[in-house]
Amino acid sequence: MSKDKNDPLDFLVKELMPYFQAGVHAHLKCQVVSLSWGHPMYADVQPLVKQSDGSTRAVIGDCLVLASAAEYLKDGKPVKLKRGDIVEVSFDDRDQDNFVGAGLYSIASRRMHSINDGTVVGVIR
């Protein structure tokens, strides 16, 4: 009985790729749970998308907040980011552990696209 030469590729694409992709984070819509005002500013956020089993995802802590998200325009007037706002969070290519708000910094680990390295990039509503 001969095997299809595409069997290993099918296994890789259908079985292994989803497993690896689950560990790569790009963007999430979240709700602001709490804020830490300062320079830089940080937020704890609750992802709005549920787990595949319907449960709520864990809160993501210490997301860096861009200045344009910390104070945004609503109906032409400046508004400060607040608890309950719906935001878009992106995740850095590399860890942010040594980032202090400005300047060059060294990576602290081999961590990439981690949910631990979130940045609030904008306010949805």
N, C-alpha and C. Protein backbone atom coordinates (compact mmCIF):
# COMPACT_ATOMS: atom_id res chain seq x y z
N MET A 1 0.84 -1.16 0.00
CA MET A 1 0.00 0.00 0.00
C MET A 1 0.90 1.25 0.00
N SER A 2 0.73 2.09 -0.98
CA SER A 2 1.59 3.27 -1.07
C SER A 2 0.95 4.45 -0.35
N LYS A 3 1.80 5.24 0.26
CA LYS A 3 1.33 6.44 0.95
C LYS A 3 1.32 7.61 -0.01
N ASP A 4 0.39 8.49 0.20
CA ASP A 4 0.34 9.72 -0.57
C ASP A 4 1.53 10.59 -0.15
N LYS A 5 2.28 11.10 -1.12
CA LYS A 5 3.47 11.90 -0.78
C LYS A 5 3.10 13.21 -0.07
N ASN A 6 1.83 13.60 -0.08
CA ASN A 6 1.41 14.82 0.59
C ASN A 6 0.97 14.59 2.04
N ASP A 7 0.94 13.34 2.50
CA ASP A 7 0.51 13.05 3.86
C ASP A 7 1.29 13.85 4.92
N PRO A 8 2.61 13.89 4.87
CA PRO A 8 3.35 14.68 5.88
C PRO A 8 2.99 16.17 5.82
N LEU A 9 2.80 16.71 4.63
CA LEU A 9 2.44 18.12 4.49
C LEU A 9 1.03 18.35 5.05
N ASP A 10 0.11 17.47 4.74
CA ASP A 10 -1.24 17.59 5.27
C ASP A 10 -1.23 17.56 6.80
N PHE A 11 -0.43 16.67 7.37
CA PHE A 11 -0.32 16.58 8.82
C PHE A 11 0.22 17.89 9.39
N LEU A 12 1.25 18.44 8.76
CA LEU A 12 1.85 19.68 9.22
C LEU A 12 0.83 20.82 9.18
N VAL A 13 0.16 20.98 8.06
CA VAL A 13 -0.76 22.10 7.88
C VAL A 13 -2.03 21.95 8.73
N LYS A 14 -2.59 20.76 8.77
CA LYS A 14 -3.87 20.57 9.45
C LYS A 14 -3.74 20.30 10.95
N GLU A 15 -2.67 19.69 11.36
CA GLU A 15 -2.54 19.30 12.76
C GLU A 15 -1.54 20.15 13.56
N LEU A 16 -0.35 20.35 13.01
CA LEU A 16 0.69 21.05 13.79
C LEU A 16 0.59 22.57 13.72
N MET A 17 0.26 23.15 12.57
CA MET A 17 0.22 24.60 12.44
C MET A 17 -0.75 25.25 13.42
N PRO A 18 -1.98 24.76 13.57
CA PRO A 18 -2.88 25.39 14.55
C PRO A 18 -2.31 25.36 15.97
N TYR A 19 -1.60 24.31 16.30
CA TYR A 19 -0.98 24.20 17.62
C TYR A 19 0.04 25.33 17.82
N PHE A 20 0.90 25.55 16.83
CA PHE A 20 1.92 26.60 16.93
C PHE A 20 1.29 27.99 16.86
N GLN A 21 0.31 28.17 16.00
CA GLN A 21 -0.33 29.48 15.85
C GLN A 21 -1.05 29.91 17.13
N ALA A 22 -1.51 28.97 17.93
CA ALA A 22 -2.21 29.31 19.17
C ALA A 22 -1.31 30.06 20.14
N GLY A 23 -0.01 29.90 20.02
CA GLY A 23 0.94 30.58 20.90
C GLY A 23 1.42 31.91 20.38
N VAL A 24 0.96 32.31 19.20
CA VAL A 24 1.36 33.58 18.60
C VAL A 24 0.20 34.57 18.75
N HIS A 25 0.46 35.70 19.39
CA HIS A 25 -0.58 36.70 19.60
C HIS A 25 -0.30 37.91 18.73
N ALA A 26 -1.34 38.45 18.11
CA ALA A 26 -1.20 39.62 17.25
C ALA A 26 -2.05 40.77 17.79
N HIS A 27 -3.37 40.61 17.83
CA HIS A 27 -4.28 41.67 18.30
C HIS A 27 -5.46 41.06 19.02
N LEU A 28 -6.02 41.79 19.97
CA LEU A 28 -7.24 41.39 20.67
C LEU A 28 -8.06 42.63 20.99
N LYS A 29 -9.37 42.48 20.91
CA LYS A 29 -10.26 43.52 21.40
C LYS A 29 -10.49 43.22 22.87
N CYS A 30 -10.36 44.27 23.70
CA CYS A 30 -10.42 44.09 25.15
C CYS A 30 -11.18 45.24 25.79
N GLN A 31 -11.54 45.06 27.05
CA GLN A 31 -12.14 46.11 27.85
C GLN A 31 -11.17 46.49 28.97
N VAL A 32 -11.00 47.78 29.18
CA VAL A 32 -10.09 48.26 30.23
C VAL A 32 -10.68 47.93 31.59
N VAL A 33 -9.89 47.24 32.42
CA VAL A 33 -10.29 46.86 33.77
C VAL A 33 -9.73 47.86 34.78
N SER A 34 -8.48 48.25 34.61
CA SER A 34 -7.87 49.23 35.51
C SER A 34 -6.74 49.94 34.78
N LEU A 35 -6.37 51.10 35.32
CA LEU A 35 -5.33 51.94 34.72
C LEU A 35 -4.29 52.32 35.76
N SER A 36 -3.05 52.44 35.30
CA SER A 36 -1.96 52.92 36.13
C SER A 36 -1.38 54.14 35.42
N TRP A 37 -1.82 55.34 35.86
CA TRP A 37 -1.38 56.57 35.21
C TRP A 37 0.07 56.85 35.58
N GLY A 38 0.84 57.23 34.61
CA GLY A 38 2.25 57.54 34.79
C GLY A 38 2.92 57.63 33.45
N HIS A 39 4.22 57.66 33.47
CA HIS A 39 5.00 57.73 32.22
C HIS A 39 5.98 56.58 32.21
N PRO A 40 5.75 55.51 31.50
CA PRO A 40 4.58 55.30 30.64
C PRO A 40 3.35 54.87 31.43
N MET A 41 2.21 54.90 30.75
CA MET A 41 0.94 54.50 31.33
C MET A 41 0.68 53.03 31.01
N TYR A 42 0.07 52.31 31.96
CA TYR A 42 -0.25 50.90 31.76
C TYR A 42 -1.72 50.64 32.07
N ALA A 43 -2.26 49.57 31.46
CA ALA A 43 -3.65 49.18 31.69
C ALA A 43 -3.73 47.67 31.85
N ASP A 44 -4.66 47.23 32.68
CA ASP A 44 -5.04 45.82 32.74
C ASP A 44 -6.30 45.71 31.90
N VAL A 45 -6.37 44.70 31.05
CA VAL A 45 -7.49 44.59 30.12
C VAL A 45 -8.07 43.18 30.12
N GLN A 46 -9.38 43.12 29.88
CA GLN A 46 -10.10 41.85 29.80
C GLN A 46 -10.39 41.55 28.33
N PRO A 47 -9.81 40.48 27.77
CA PRO A 47 -10.14 40.13 26.38
C PRO A 47 -11.64 39.89 26.23
N LEU A 48 -12.22 40.36 25.14
CA LEU A 48 -13.65 40.20 24.91
C LEU A 48 -13.99 38.86 24.27
N VAL A 49 -13.07 38.30 23.51
CA VAL A 49 -13.32 37.01 22.86
C VAL A 49 -13.20 35.90 23.91
N LYS A 50 -14.14 34.98 23.86
CA LYS A 50 -14.14 33.88 24.83
C LYS A 50 -13.22 32.75 24.36
N GLN A 51 -12.86 31.88 25.31
CA GLN A 51 -12.11 30.67 24.99
C GLN A 51 -13.00 29.78 24.11
N SER A 52 -12.41 28.80 23.46
CA SER A 52 -13.18 27.90 22.60
C SER A 52 -14.23 27.12 23.38
N ASP A 53 -14.05 26.95 24.69
CA ASP A 53 -15.04 26.23 25.50
C ASP A 53 -16.10 27.18 26.08
N GLY A 54 -16.04 28.47 25.71
CA GLY A 54 -17.03 29.45 26.15
C GLY A 54 -16.67 30.18 27.42
N SER A 55 -15.57 29.82 28.06
CA SER A 55 -15.17 30.50 29.29
C SER A 55 -14.48 31.83 28.99
N THR A 56 -14.44 32.68 30.00
CA THR A 56 -13.81 33.99 29.88
C THR A 56 -12.29 33.83 29.95
N ARG A 57 -11.58 34.58 29.12
CA ARG A 57 -10.12 34.56 29.16
C ARG A 57 -9.63 35.34 30.37
N ALA A 58 -8.42 35.07 30.78
CA ALA A 58 -7.80 35.77 31.91
C ALA A 58 -7.49 37.21 31.55
N VAL A 59 -7.52 38.07 32.56
CA VAL A 59 -7.14 39.48 32.40
C VAL A 59 -5.67 39.55 32.00
N ILE A 60 -5.35 40.45 31.09
CA ILE A 60 -3.97 40.69 30.67
C ILE A 60 -3.49 41.93 31.42
N GLY A 61 -2.45 41.77 32.20
CA GLY A 61 -1.96 42.88 33.02
C GLY A 61 -0.84 43.65 32.39
N ASP A 62 -0.71 44.88 32.83
CA ASP A 62 0.43 45.75 32.48
C ASP A 62 0.63 45.92 30.98
N CYS A 63 -0.43 46.25 30.26
CA CYS A 63 -0.30 46.59 28.84
C CYS A 63 0.11 48.05 28.73
N LEU A 64 1.17 48.30 28.01
CA LEU A 64 1.61 49.66 27.74
C LEU A 64 0.50 50.39 27.00
N VAL A 65 0.26 51.66 27.28
CA VAL A 65 -0.79 52.43 26.61
C VAL A 65 -0.14 53.53 25.78
N LEU A 66 -0.44 53.55 24.48
CA LEU A 66 0.06 54.63 23.63
C LEU A 66 -0.57 55.96 24.05
N ALA A 67 0.17 57.06 23.89
CA ALA A 67 -0.33 58.38 24.25
C ALA A 67 -1.63 58.70 23.50
N SER A 68 -1.72 58.28 22.25
CA SER A 68 -2.91 58.55 21.45
C SER A 68 -4.13 57.77 21.95
N ALA A 69 -3.91 56.71 22.71
CA ALA A 69 -5.02 55.96 23.31
C ALA A 69 -5.32 56.47 24.72
N ALA A 70 -4.31 57.00 25.41
CA ALA A 70 -4.49 57.52 26.77
C ALA A 70 -5.41 58.73 26.77
N GLU A 71 -5.32 59.53 25.71
CA GLU A 71 -6.22 60.67 25.53
C GLU A 71 -6.60 60.71 24.07
N TYR A 72 -7.89 60.52 23.80
CA TYR A 72 -8.38 60.43 22.42
C TYR A 72 -9.52 61.41 22.22
N LEU A 73 -9.88 61.62 20.97
CA LEU A 73 -10.97 62.54 20.66
C LEU A 73 -12.29 61.78 20.56
N LYS A 74 -13.31 62.32 21.23
CA LYS A 74 -14.67 61.77 21.14
C LYS A 74 -15.59 62.95 20.89
N ASP A 75 -16.28 62.91 19.77
CA ASP A 75 -17.14 64.03 19.35
C ASP A 75 -16.35 65.34 19.31
N GLY A 76 -15.08 65.25 18.88
CA GLY A 76 -14.23 66.42 18.72
C GLY A 76 -13.63 66.95 20.00
N LYS A 77 -13.87 66.27 21.12
CA LYS A 77 -13.34 66.73 22.42
C LYS A 77 -12.38 65.71 22.99
N PRO A 78 -11.28 66.17 23.63
CA PRO A 78 -10.34 65.22 24.24
C PRO A 78 -10.95 64.51 25.44
N VAL A 79 -10.77 63.19 25.46
CA VAL A 79 -11.30 62.35 26.54
C VAL A 79 -10.16 61.45 27.02
N LYS A 80 -10.05 61.28 28.33
CA LYS A 80 -9.02 60.38 28.88
C LYS A 80 -9.53 58.95 28.89
N LEU A 81 -8.64 58.01 28.61
CA LEU A 81 -8.95 56.59 28.68
C LEU A 81 -9.47 56.27 30.08
N LYS A 82 -10.51 55.43 30.14
CA LYS A 82 -11.10 55.12 31.44
C LYS A 82 -11.48 53.65 31.52
N ARG A 83 -11.74 53.21 32.72
CA ARG A 83 -12.21 51.84 32.97
C ARG A 83 -13.50 51.63 32.18
N GLY A 84 -13.59 50.48 31.51
CA GLY A 84 -14.77 50.16 30.72
C GLY A 84 -14.63 50.44 29.24
N ASP A 85 -13.64 51.28 28.85
CA ASP A 85 -13.43 51.55 27.43
C ASP A 85 -13.06 50.27 26.69
N ILE A 86 -13.50 50.16 25.46
CA ILE A 86 -13.15 49.04 24.60
C ILE A 86 -11.96 49.46 23.75
N VAL A 87 -10.90 48.65 23.78
CA VAL A 87 -9.64 49.01 23.13
C VAL A 87 -9.13 47.87 22.25
N GLU A 88 -8.22 48.22 21.37
CA GLU A 88 -7.49 47.24 20.57
C GLU A 88 -6.10 47.10 21.17
N VAL A 89 -5.71 45.86 21.45
CA VAL A 89 -4.41 45.58 22.05
C VAL A 89 -3.58 44.80 21.04
N SER A 90 -2.36 45.25 20.80
CA SER A 90 -1.44 44.51 19.94
C SER A 90 -0.32 43.93 20.82
N PHE A 91 0.39 42.96 20.28
CA PHE A 91 1.44 42.28 21.05
C PHE A 91 2.76 42.39 20.30
N ASP A 92 3.79 42.86 21.02
CA ASP A 92 5.10 43.10 20.41
C ASP A 92 5.75 41.83 19.88
N ASP A 93 6.62 42.02 18.89
CA ASP A 93 7.40 40.91 18.34
C ASP A 93 8.33 40.32 19.40
N ARG A 94 8.86 41.16 20.28
CA ARG A 94 9.82 40.73 21.31
C ARG A 94 9.35 41.20 22.67
N ASP A 95 9.96 40.69 23.73
CA ASP A 95 9.52 41.05 25.08
C ASP A 95 9.78 42.53 25.36
N GLN A 96 8.95 43.10 26.22
CA GLN A 96 9.05 44.52 26.60
C GLN A 96 9.60 44.70 28.01
N ASP A 97 10.11 43.65 28.61
CA ASP A 97 10.49 43.67 30.02
C ASP A 97 11.43 44.82 30.39
N ASN A 98 12.37 45.17 29.51
CA ASN A 98 13.35 46.21 29.83
C ASN A 98 12.99 47.58 29.26
N PHE A 99 11.81 47.71 28.66
CA PHE A 99 11.40 49.00 28.10
C PHE A 99 10.92 49.91 29.22
N VAL A 100 11.44 51.14 29.27
CA VAL A 100 11.09 52.07 30.35
C VAL A 100 10.37 53.33 29.84
N GLY A 101 9.89 53.29 28.62
CA GLY A 101 9.12 54.43 28.11
C GLY A 101 9.80 55.19 27.00
N ALA A 102 11.09 55.01 26.82
CA ALA A 102 11.82 55.71 25.76
C ALA A 102 13.19 55.09 25.59
N GLY A 103 13.76 55.28 24.43
CA GLY A 103 15.13 54.87 24.18
C GLY A 103 15.31 53.41 23.83
N LEU A 104 16.54 53.09 23.48
CA LEU A 104 16.89 51.72 23.14
C LEU A 104 16.84 50.84 24.38
N TYR A 105 16.51 49.57 24.17
CA TYR A 105 16.50 48.64 25.30
C TYR A 105 16.88 47.25 24.82
N SER A 106 17.35 46.44 25.74
CA SER A 106 17.75 45.06 25.44
C SER A 106 16.62 44.11 25.74
N ILE A 107 16.49 43.08 24.92
CA ILE A 107 15.48 42.07 25.21
C ILE A 107 15.94 41.27 26.42
N ALA A 108 14.97 40.77 27.19
CA ALA A 108 15.28 40.04 28.41
C ALA A 108 15.14 38.54 28.22
N SER A 109 14.51 38.13 27.12
CA SER A 109 14.26 36.70 26.91
C SER A 109 14.09 36.41 25.42
N ARG A 110 13.85 35.16 25.11
CA ARG A 110 13.58 34.77 23.72
C ARG A 110 12.09 34.82 23.39
N ARG A 111 11.30 35.34 24.33
CA ARG A 111 9.85 35.40 24.18
C ARG A 111 9.46 36.25 22.97
N MET A 112 8.52 35.75 22.17
CA MET A 112 8.06 36.47 20.99
C MET A 112 6.54 36.38 20.88
N HIS A 113 5.90 37.48 20.45
CA HIS A 113 4.46 37.53 20.20
C HIS A 113 3.67 36.99 21.40
N SER A 114 4.07 37.37 22.58
CA SER A 114 3.49 36.84 23.81
C SER A 114 2.36 37.73 24.31
N ILE A 115 1.39 37.10 24.92
CA ILE A 115 0.29 37.84 25.53
C ILE A 115 0.80 38.69 26.70
N ASN A 116 2.02 38.44 27.15
CA ASN A 116 2.64 39.23 28.23
C ASN A 116 3.18 40.57 27.76
N ASP A 117 3.14 40.82 26.45
CA ASP A 117 3.75 42.04 25.89
C ASP A 117 2.73 42.87 25.13
N GLY A 118 1.60 43.16 25.78
CA GLY A 118 0.51 43.90 25.12
C GLY A 118 0.72 45.39 25.15
N THR A 119 0.18 46.05 24.12
CA THR A 119 0.17 47.51 24.02
C THR A 119 -1.21 47.94 23.57
N VAL A 120 -1.85 48.85 24.33
CA VAL A 120 -3.13 49.41 23.93
C VAL A 120 -2.83 50.42 22.83
N VAL A 121 -3.30 50.14 21.61
CA VAL A 121 -2.97 50.99 20.47
C VAL A 121 -4.10 51.93 20.06
N GLY A 122 -5.30 51.69 20.56
CA GLY A 122 -6.40 52.57 20.20
C GLY A 122 -7.67 52.23 20.96
N VAL A 123 -8.59 53.19 20.94
CA VAL A 123 -9.87 53.03 21.59
C VAL A 123 -10.93 52.81 20.53
N ILE A 124 -11.75 51.78 20.72
CA ILE A 124 -12.82 51.48 19.77
C ILE A 124 -14.07 52.26 20.13
N ARG A 125 -14.41 52.28 21.40
CA ARG A 125 -15.56 53.08 21.87
C ARG A 125 -15.43 53.37 23.35
